[in-house]
Amino acid sequence: MKTRKKRLVEIYVWELPVRFFHWLNALCILILCITGFIIADPPAIMTETEANFSYWFGIIRFIHFVAAFIFFFNFIFRLYWGFAGNRYARWNNFVPLKKAQWKEIWEVIKVDVLMIKNKPVDSIGHNALACIIYLGVFCAFLLQSITGFGLYAKMSESIFPKLFAWTIPLMGGGLVAREIHHSLMWFFILFALIHVYLVFYHDYIEQRGEASSIIGGWKFIEEEIAEREEVEEKAEIITQAARKDE
């Protein structure tokens, strides 16, 4: 039996809205990838008649479009929560403007990429490298939504997709937009595989409940790291209050 030599405390890191966004987003991406594959390369059993609700291919397209709307508005909600959420969900984590963030990025690279170090990085939420990668993923979410709704605008009678119709000429036409949309699908598939691997890898080396935290929200953090985090949070609150008084 292995016993922990470190004293750990529970910290509520991922709030319910963040966890809700994560799992709904994962489900949407799964559905969009499966239906996207079928739409891009329909199997031979597809009927040659115009697709509508009388045919299975029309249902596939309908599922794809519904998942796309949910994906987009779920993403918009996450943008909002980046301002309304706790300190681990806020946008200032995702933009590396501080020297300490760049130092942490290098430390994580030594652990995750170069594997020349196995000491966990002292981060409670996302580490700095994960944050900058997630920033790129969020940009990919936006581009995927723009290209998807832009392509849908030609065949849709709804007002919302038509708001994105101007983006297709800007990208050089429907063919280019379709290639971007399809390539981003593969980007999300690759990202998901790496993401799942790193979650379980960090769960193993850090032993902080990385995998279970996105279900329950809690992480098990070393007491000294948690105390340091609490001091930093109080200092941040005081600084913000001082700025408001100026």
C-alpha atoms as a PDB file:
ATOM      1  CA  MET A   1       0.000   0.000   0.000  1.00  0.00           C
ATOM      2  CA  LYS A   2       1.295   3.449  -0.966  1.00  0.00           C
ATOM      3  CA  THR A   3       0.807   6.326   1.467  1.00  0.00           C
ATOM      4  CA  ARG A   4       0.967  10.011   0.681  1.00  0.00           C
ATOM      5  CA  LYS A   5       3.851  11.851   2.328  1.00  0.00           C
ATOM      6  CA  LYS A   6       2.424  15.241   1.390  1.00  0.00           C
ATOM      7  CA  ARG A   7      -0.390  16.996   3.201  1.00  0.00           C
ATOM      8  CA  LEU A   8      -3.163  17.733   0.729  1.00  0.00           C
ATOM      9  CA  VAL A   9      -6.174  20.025   0.832  1.00  0.00           C
ATOM     10  CA  GLU A  10      -9.243  20.020  -1.399  1.00  0.00           C
ATOM     11  CA  ILE A  11      -9.720  23.068  -3.622  1.00  0.00           C
ATOM     12  CA  TYR A  12     -12.831  23.696  -5.694  1.00  0.00           C
ATOM     13  CA  VAL A  13     -11.256  24.503  -9.063  1.00  0.00           C
ATOM     14  CA  TRP A  14     -13.737  23.784 -11.865  1.00  0.00           C
ATOM     15  CA  GLU A  15     -17.142  25.326 -11.240  1.00  0.00           C
ATOM     16  CA  LEU A  16     -20.310  23.645 -12.509  1.00  0.00           C
ATOM     17  CA  PRO A  17     -20.652  25.954 -15.565  1.00  0.00           C
ATOM     18  CA  VAL A  18     -17.089  25.093 -16.661  1.00  0.00           C
ATOM     19  CA  ARG A  19     -17.732  21.372 -16.257  1.00  0.00           C
ATOM     20  CA  PHE A  20     -21.063  21.670 -18.071  1.00  0.00           C
ATOM     21  CA  PHE A  21     -19.357  23.485 -20.962  1.00  0.00           C
ATOM     22  CA  HIS A  22     -16.597  20.878 -21.126  1.00  0.00           C
ATOM     23  CA  TRP A  23     -18.835  17.818 -21.386  1.00  0.00           C
ATOM     24  CA  LEU A  24     -21.440  19.393 -23.639  1.00  0.00           C
ATOM     25  CA  ASN A  25     -18.642  20.629 -25.894  1.00  0.00           C
ATOM     26  CA  ALA A  26     -17.088  17.154 -26.017  1.00  0.00           C
ATOM     27  CA  LEU A  27     -20.452  15.600 -26.939  1.00  0.00           C
ATOM     28  CA  CYS A  28     -21.065  18.199 -29.665  1.00  0.00           C
ATOM     29  CA  ILE A  29     -17.616  17.663 -31.190  1.00  0.00           C
ATOM     30  CA  LEU A  30     -18.156  13.891 -31.209  1.00  0.00           C
ATOM     31  CA  ILE A  31     -21.528  14.238 -32.970  1.00  0.00           C
ATOM     32  CA  LEU A  32     -20.220  16.869 -35.382  1.00  0.00           C
ATOM     33  CA  CYS A  33     -17.223  14.729 -36.361  1.00  0.00           C
ATOM     34  CA  ILE A  34     -19.321  11.611 -36.980  1.00  0.00           C
ATOM     35  CA  THR A  35     -22.016  13.413 -38.963  1.00  0.00           C
ATOM     36  CA  GLY A  36     -19.376  15.547 -40.706  1.00  0.00           C
ATOM     37  CA  PHE A  37     -17.613  12.422 -41.963  1.00  0.00           C
ATOM     38  CA  ILE A  38     -20.887  11.101 -43.371  1.00  0.00           C
ATOM     39  CA  ILE A  39     -21.785  14.424 -45.006  1.00  0.00           C
ATOM     40  CA  ALA A  40     -18.318  14.801 -46.544  1.00  0.00           C
ATOM     41  CA  ASP A  41     -18.232  11.234 -47.890  1.00  0.00           C
ATOM     42  CA  PRO A  42     -21.732   9.673 -47.895  1.00  0.00           C
ATOM     43  CA  PRO A  43     -21.836   5.866 -48.033  1.00  0.00           C
ATOM     44  CA  ALA A  44     -23.041   4.180 -51.218  1.00  0.00           C
ATOM     45  CA  ILE A  45     -26.440   3.337 -49.727  1.00  0.00           C
ATOM     46  CA  MET A  46     -27.421   7.020 -49.824  1.00  0.00           C
ATOM     47  CA  THR A  47     -30.456   7.700 -51.967  1.00  0.00           C
ATOM     48  CA  GLU A  48     -30.038   9.945 -54.984  1.00  0.00           C
ATOM     49  CA  THR A  49     -33.263  11.778 -54.177  1.00  0.00           C
ATOM     50  CA  GLU A  50     -33.014  15.291 -52.721  1.00  0.00           C
ATOM     51  CA  ALA A  51     -32.217  15.033 -48.999  1.00  0.00           C
ATOM     52  CA  ASN A  52     -35.080  15.915 -46.690  1.00  0.00           C
ATOM     53  CA  PHE A  53     -36.700  14.499 -43.575  1.00  0.00           C
ATOM     54  CA  SER A  54     -37.989  11.522 -45.563  1.00  0.00           C
ATOM     55  CA  TYR A  55     -34.467  10.223 -45.999  1.00  0.00           C
ATOM     56  CA  TRP A  56     -31.769   9.273 -43.521  1.00  0.00           C
ATOM     57  CA  PHE A  57     -29.191  11.629 -45.034  1.00  0.00           C
ATOM     58  CA  GLY A  58     -31.473  14.582 -44.351  1.00  0.00           C
ATOM     59  CA  ILE A  59     -31.672  13.459 -40.721  1.00  0.00           C
ATOM     60  CA  ILE A  60     -27.858  13.254 -40.560  1.00  0.00           C
ATOM     61  CA  ARG A  61     -27.608  16.827 -41.835  1.00  0.00           C
ATOM     62  CA  PHE A  62     -30.279  17.965 -39.376  1.00  0.00           C
ATOM     63  CA  ILE A  63     -28.376  16.405 -36.449  1.00  0.00           C
ATOM     64  CA  HIS A  64     -25.172  18.071 -37.664  1.00  0.00           C
ATOM     65  CA  PHE A  65     -26.832  21.503 -37.811  1.00  0.00           C
ATOM     66  CA  VAL A  66     -28.497  21.153 -34.386  1.00  0.00           C
ATOM     67  CA  ALA A  67     -25.184  20.084 -32.811  1.00  0.00           C
ATOM     68  CA  ALA A  68     -23.506  23.058 -34.525  1.00  0.00           C
ATOM     69  CA  PHE A  69     -25.958  25.527 -32.972  1.00  0.00           C
ATOM     70  CA  ILE A  70     -25.492  23.979 -29.512  1.00  0.00           C
ATOM     71  CA  PHE A  71     -21.695  23.980 -29.988  1.00  0.00           C
ATOM     72  CA  PHE A  72     -21.672  27.661 -30.943  1.00  0.00           C
ATOM     73  CA  PHE A  73     -23.894  28.964 -28.141  1.00  0.00           C
ATOM     74  CA  ASN A  74     -22.121  26.763 -25.609  1.00  0.00           C
ATOM     75  CA  PHE A  75     -18.892  28.427 -26.768  1.00  0.00           C
ATOM     76  CA  ILE A  76     -20.472  31.892 -26.390  1.00  0.00           C
ATOM     77  CA  PHE A  77     -21.430  30.947 -22.831  1.00  0.00           C
ATOM     78  CA  ARG A  78     -17.805  29.969 -22.112  1.00  0.00           C
ATOM     79  CA  LEU A  79     -16.643  33.353 -23.403  1.00  0.00           C
ATOM     80  CA  TYR A  80     -18.979  34.994 -20.905  1.00  0.00           C
ATOM     81  CA  TRP A  81     -17.859  32.715 -18.075  1.00  0.00           C
ATOM     82  CA  GLY A  82     -14.276  33.775 -18.738  1.00  0.00           C
ATOM     83  CA  PHE A  83     -15.303  37.076 -17.132  1.00  0.00           C
ATOM     84  CA  ALA A  84     -17.869  35.837 -14.595  1.00  0.00           C
ATOM     85  CA  GLY A  85     -16.157  32.661 -13.348  1.00  0.00           C
ATOM     86  CA  ASN A  86     -13.623  32.060 -10.600  1.00  0.00           C
ATOM     87  CA  ARG A  87      -9.928  32.819 -10.997  1.00  0.00           C
ATOM     88  CA  TYR A  88      -9.223  29.482 -12.697  1.00  0.00           C
ATOM     89  CA  ALA A  89     -11.752  30.168 -15.468  1.00  0.00           C
ATOM     90  CA  ARG A  90     -10.859  33.792 -16.216  1.00  0.00           C
ATOM     91  CA  TRP A  91      -9.333  34.952 -19.487  1.00  0.00           C
ATOM     92  CA  ASN A  92      -6.243  36.502 -17.897  1.00  0.00           C
ATOM     93  CA  ASN A  93      -4.984  32.934 -17.400  1.00  0.00           C
ATOM     94  CA  PHE A  94      -5.080  32.243 -21.125  1.00  0.00           C
ATOM     95  CA  VAL A  95      -3.010  35.220 -22.289  1.00  0.00           C
ATOM     96  CA  PRO A  96       0.664  34.896 -21.204  1.00  0.00           C
ATOM     97  CA  LEU A  97       1.466  38.504 -20.339  1.00  0.00           C
ATOM     98  CA  LYS A  98       3.495  37.780 -17.212  1.00  0.00           C
ATOM     99  CA  LYS A  99       7.096  36.588 -17.039  1.00  0.00           C
ATOM    100  CA  ALA A 100       6.053  33.892 -14.552  1.00  0.00           C
ATOM    101  CA  GLN A 101       3.662  32.440 -17.130  1.00  0.00           C
ATOM    102  CA  TRP A 102       6.415  32.072 -19.750  1.00  0.00           C
ATOM    103  CA  LYS A 103       8.676  30.472 -17.151  1.00  0.00           C
ATOM    104  CA  GLU A 104       5.923  28.001 -16.313  1.00  0.00           C
ATOM    105  CA  ILE A 105       5.418  27.227 -20.017  1.00  0.00           C
ATOM    106  CA  TRP A 106       9.063  26.168 -20.269  1.00  0.00           C
ATOM    107  CA  GLU A 107       8.769  24.073 -17.103  1.00  0.00           C
ATOM    108  CA  VAL A 108       5.731  22.239 -18.503  1.00  0.00           C
ATOM    109  CA  ILE A 109       7.529  21.636 -21.814  1.00  0.00           C
ATOM    110  CA  LYS A 110      10.346  19.957 -19.873  1.00  0.00           C
ATOM    111  CA  VAL A 111       7.797  17.667 -18.185  1.00  0.00           C
ATOM    112  CA  ASP A 112       5.328  16.946 -21.007  1.00  0.00           C
ATOM    113  CA  VAL A 113       7.368  17.251 -24.207  1.00  0.00           C
ATOM    114  CA  LEU A 114      11.071  16.778 -23.464  1.00  0.00           C
ATOM    115  CA  MET A 115      10.395  14.506 -20.468  1.00  0.00           C
ATOM    116  CA  ILE A 116      13.610  15.600 -18.807  1.00  0.00           C
ATOM    117  CA  LYS A 117      11.787  16.438 -15.586  1.00  0.00           C
ATOM    118  CA  ASN A 118       9.088  14.596 -13.659  1.00  0.00           C
ATOM    119  CA  LYS A 119       8.410  17.071 -10.846  1.00  0.00           C
ATOM    120  CA  PRO A 120       4.850  18.412 -11.198  1.00  0.00           C
ATOM    121  CA  VAL A 121       4.434  22.098 -11.994  1.00  0.00           C
ATOM    122  CA  ASP A 122       2.875  24.006  -9.106  1.00  0.00           C
ATOM    123  CA  SER A 123      -0.339  25.004 -10.885  1.00  0.00           C
ATOM    124  CA  ILE A 124      -3.816  24.502  -9.507  1.00  0.00           C
ATOM    125  CA  GLY A 125      -5.942  25.293 -12.549  1.00  0.00           C
ATOM    126  CA  HIS A 126      -4.637  24.941 -16.094  1.00  0.00           C
ATOM    127  CA  ASN A 127      -0.874  25.283 -16.356  1.00  0.00           C
ATOM    128  CA  ALA A 128       0.451  28.135 -18.511  1.00  0.00           C
ATOM    129  CA  LEU A 129       1.195  25.942 -21.544  1.00  0.00           C
ATOM    130  CA  ALA A 130      -2.282  24.407 -21.439  1.00  0.00           C
ATOM    131  CA  CYS A 131      -3.780  27.892 -21.221  1.00  0.00           C
ATOM    132  CA  ILE A 132      -2.052  29.180 -24.343  1.00  0.00           C
ATOM    133  CA  ILE A 133      -3.022  25.990 -26.206  1.00  0.00           C
ATOM    134  CA  TYR A 134      -6.646  26.385 -25.094  1.00  0.00           C
ATOM    135  CA  LEU A 135      -6.566  29.965 -26.360  1.00  0.00           C
ATOM    136  CA  GLY A 136      -5.642  28.590 -29.786  1.00  0.00           C
ATOM    137  CA  VAL A 137      -8.394  25.959 -29.482  1.00  0.00           C
ATOM    138  CA  PHE A 138     -10.953  28.652 -28.674  1.00  0.00           C
ATOM    139  CA  CYS A 139      -9.861  30.530 -31.809  1.00  0.00           C
ATOM    140  CA  ALA A 140     -10.341  27.268 -33.732  1.00  0.00           C
ATOM    141  CA  PHE A 141     -13.837  26.949 -32.234  1.00  0.00           C
ATOM    142  CA  LEU A 142     -14.665  30.408 -33.552  1.00  0.00           C
ATOM    143  CA  LEU A 143     -13.244  29.751 -37.024  1.00  0.00           C
ATOM    144  CA  GLN A 144     -15.033  26.393 -37.231  1.00  0.00           C
ATOM    145  CA  SER A 145     -18.328  28.083 -36.344  1.00  0.00           C
ATOM    146  CA  ILE A 146     -17.796  30.887 -38.852  1.00  0.00           C
ATOM    147  CA  THR A 147     -16.982  28.550 -41.736  1.00  0.00           C
ATOM    148  CA  GLY A 148     -19.808  26.163 -40.808  1.00  0.00           C
ATOM    149  CA  PHE A 149     -22.516  28.794 -40.583  1.00  0.00           C
ATOM    150  CA  GLY A 150     -21.103  30.587 -43.621  1.00  0.00           C
ATOM    151  CA  LEU A 151     -21.447  27.422 -45.705  1.00  0.00           C
ATOM    152  CA  TYR A 152     -24.898  26.755 -44.262  1.00  0.00           C
ATOM    153  CA  ALA A 153     -26.112  30.277 -45.089  1.00  0.00           C
ATOM    154  CA  LYS A 154     -26.671  29.471 -48.793  1.00  0.00           C
ATOM    155  CA  MET A 155     -29.136  26.657 -48.094  1.00  0.00           C
ATOM    156  CA  SER A 156     -30.746  27.983 -44.920  1.00  0.00           C
ATOM    157  CA  GLU A 157     -33.781  30.205 -44.648  1.00  0.00           C
ATOM    158  CA  SER A 158     -32.955  31.114 -41.052  1.00  0.00           C
ATOM    159  CA  ILE A 159     -31.680  34.577 -40.223  1.00  0.00           C
ATOM    160  CA  PHE A 160     -28.825  33.510 -37.941  1.00  0.00           C
ATOM    161  CA  PRO A 161     -26.701  31.525 -40.475  1.00  0.00           C
ATOM    162  CA  LYS A 162     -27.115  34.343 -43.023  1.00  0.00           C
ATOM    163  CA  LEU A 163     -25.268  36.643 -40.605  1.00  0.00           C
ATOM    164  CA  PHE A 164     -22.118  34.674 -41.562  1.00  0.00           C
ATOM    165  CA  ALA A 165     -22.655  34.677 -45.347  1.00  0.00           C
ATOM    166  CA  TRP A 166     -20.141  37.504 -45.843  1.00  0.00           C
ATOM    167  CA  THR A 167     -17.305  35.356 -44.480  1.00  0.00           C
ATOM    168  CA  ILE A 168     -17.244  32.929 -47.430  1.00  0.00           C
ATOM    169  CA  PRO A 169     -16.188  35.485 -50.099  1.00  0.00           C
ATOM    170  CA  LEU A 170     -13.672  36.853 -47.594  1.00  0.00           C
ATOM    171  CA  MET A 171     -12.059  33.403 -47.358  1.00  0.00           C
ATOM    172  CA  GLY A 172     -11.860  33.003 -51.119  1.00  0.00           C
ATOM    173  CA  GLY A 173     -15.036  31.048 -51.779  1.00  0.00           C
ATOM    174  CA  GLY A 174     -16.944  28.020 -50.584  1.00  0.00           C
ATOM    175  CA  LEU A 175     -14.281  25.499 -51.577  1.00  0.00           C
ATOM    176  CA  VAL A 176     -11.624  27.158 -49.413  1.00  0.00           C
ATOM    177  CA  ALA A 177     -14.047  27.552 -46.509  1.00  0.00           C
ATOM    178  CA  ARG A 178     -15.025  23.875 -46.796  1.00  0.00           C
ATOM    179  CA  GLU A 179     -11.359  22.805 -46.717  1.00  0.00           C
ATOM    180  CA  ILE A 180     -10.757  24.942 -43.616  1.00  0.00           C
ATOM    181  CA  HIS A 181     -13.865  23.492 -41.971  1.00  0.00           C
ATOM    182  CA  HIS A 182     -12.797  19.921 -42.771  1.00  0.00           C
ATOM    183  CA  SER A 183      -9.176  20.476 -41.672  1.00  0.00           C
ATOM    184  CA  LEU A 184     -10.324  21.901 -38.345  1.00  0.00           C
ATOM    185  CA  MET A 185     -12.331  18.741 -37.758  1.00  0.00           C
ATOM    186  CA  TRP A 186      -9.089  16.749 -37.934  1.00  0.00           C
ATOM    187  CA  PHE A 187      -7.434  19.303 -35.658  1.00  0.00           C
ATOM    188  CA  PHE A 188     -10.119  18.688 -33.005  1.00  0.00           C
ATOM    189  CA  ILE A 189      -9.745  14.913 -33.328  1.00  0.00           C
ATOM    190  CA  LEU A 190      -5.969  15.161 -32.858  1.00  0.00           C
ATOM    191  CA  PHE A 191      -6.374  17.626 -29.993  1.00  0.00           C
ATOM    192  CA  ALA A 192      -8.870  15.333 -28.236  1.00  0.00           C
ATOM    193  CA  LEU A 193      -6.472  12.371 -28.390  1.00  0.00           C
ATOM    194  CA  ILE A 194      -3.562  14.410 -26.985  1.00  0.00           C
ATOM    195  CA  HIS A 195      -5.827  16.051 -24.413  1.00  0.00           C
ATOM    196  CA  VAL A 196      -7.071  12.737 -23.005  1.00  0.00           C
ATOM    197  CA  TYR A 197      -3.524  11.343 -22.887  1.00  0.00           C
ATOM    198  CA  LEU A 198      -2.143  14.371 -21.025  1.00  0.00           C
ATOM    199  CA  VAL A 199      -5.044  14.402 -18.542  1.00  0.00           C
ATOM    200  CA  PHE A 200      -4.296  10.841 -17.456  1.00  0.00           C
ATOM    201  CA  TYR A 201      -0.516  11.452 -17.628  1.00  0.00           C
ATOM    202  CA  HIS A 202      -0.783  14.438 -15.289  1.00  0.00           C
ATOM    203  CA  ASP A 203      -3.226  12.551 -13.100  1.00  0.00           C
ATOM    204  CA  TYR A 204      -0.536   9.883 -12.670  1.00  0.00           C
ATOM    205  CA  ILE A 205       2.506  12.078 -12.070  1.00  0.00           C
ATOM    206  CA  GLU A 206       0.798  14.810 -10.032  1.00  0.00           C
ATOM    207  CA  GLN A 207      -1.728  12.677  -8.125  1.00  0.00           C
ATOM    208  CA  ARG A 208      -4.028  15.651  -7.682  1.00  0.00           C
ATOM    209  CA  GLY A 209      -7.221  14.182  -9.110  1.00  0.00           C
ATOM    210  CA  GLU A 210      -6.798  15.751 -12.543  1.00  0.00           C
ATOM    211  CA  ALA A 211      -9.229  13.392 -14.274  1.00  0.00           C
ATOM    212  CA  SER A 212     -11.908  13.367 -11.569  1.00  0.00           C
ATOM    213  CA  SER A 213     -11.777  17.158 -11.111  1.00  0.00           C
ATOM    214  CA  ILE A 214     -13.645  17.786 -14.378  1.00  0.00           C
ATOM    215  CA  ILE A 215     -16.477  15.635 -12.977  1.00  0.00           C
ATOM    216  CA  GLY A 216     -16.647  16.811  -9.372  1.00  0.00           C
ATOM    217  CA  GLY A 217     -14.731  20.087  -9.610  1.00  0.00           C
ATOM    218  CA  TRP A 218     -12.291  19.401  -6.745  1.00  0.00           C
ATOM    219  CA  LYS A 219      -8.525  18.928  -6.870  1.00  0.00           C
ATOM    220  CA  PHE A 220      -6.184  17.662  -4.147  1.00  0.00           C
ATOM    221  CA  ILE A 221      -3.405  20.222  -3.801  1.00  0.00           C
ATOM    222  CA  GLU A 222      -0.318  20.280  -1.588  1.00  0.00           C
ATOM    223  CA  GLU A 223      -0.980  22.402   1.471  1.00  0.00           C
ATOM    224  CA  GLU A 224       1.923  24.803   0.909  1.00  0.00           C
ATOM    225  CA  ILE A 225       0.887  25.422  -2.723  1.00  0.00           C
ATOM    226  CA  ALA A 226      -2.710  26.048  -1.649  1.00  0.00           C
ATOM    227  CA  GLU A 227      -1.581  28.513   1.019  1.00  0.00           C
ATOM    228  CA  ARG A 228       0.595  30.358  -1.489  1.00  0.00           C
ATOM    229  CA  GLU A 229      -2.321  30.479  -3.910  1.00  0.00           C
ATOM    230  CA  GLU A 230      -4.572  31.896  -1.192  1.00  0.00           C
ATOM    231  CA  VAL A 231      -2.061  34.654  -0.438  1.00  0.00           C
ATOM    232  CA  GLU A 232      -1.785  35.525  -4.146  1.00  0.00           C
ATOM    233  CA  GLU A 233      -5.578  35.600  -4.508  1.00  0.00           C
ATOM    234  CA  LYS A 234      -5.949  37.962  -1.538  1.00  0.00           C
ATOM    235  CA  ALA A 235      -3.226  40.221  -2.952  1.00  0.00           C
ATOM    236  CA  GLU A 236      -5.028  40.247  -6.310  1.00  0.00           C
ATOM    237  CA  ILE A 237      -8.320  41.224  -4.644  1.00  0.00           C
ATOM    238  CA  ILE A 238      -6.613  44.055  -2.752  1.00  0.00           C
ATOM    239  CA  THR A 239      -4.936  45.300  -5.952  1.00  0.00           C
ATOM    240  CA  GLN A 240      -8.246  45.277  -7.851  1.00  0.00           C
ATOM    241  CA  ALA A 241      -9.996  47.102  -5.026  1.00  0.00           C
ATOM    242  CA  ALA A 242      -7.230  49.736  -4.977  1.00  0.00           C
ATOM    243  CA  ARG A 243      -7.591  50.284  -8.735  1.00  0.00           C
ATOM    244  CA  LYS A 244     -11.347  50.808  -8.387  1.00  0.00           C
ATOM    245  CA  ASP A 245     -10.765  53.435  -5.676  1.00  0.00           C
ATOM    246  CA  GLU A 246      -8.350  55.423  -7.863  1.00  0.00           C
END
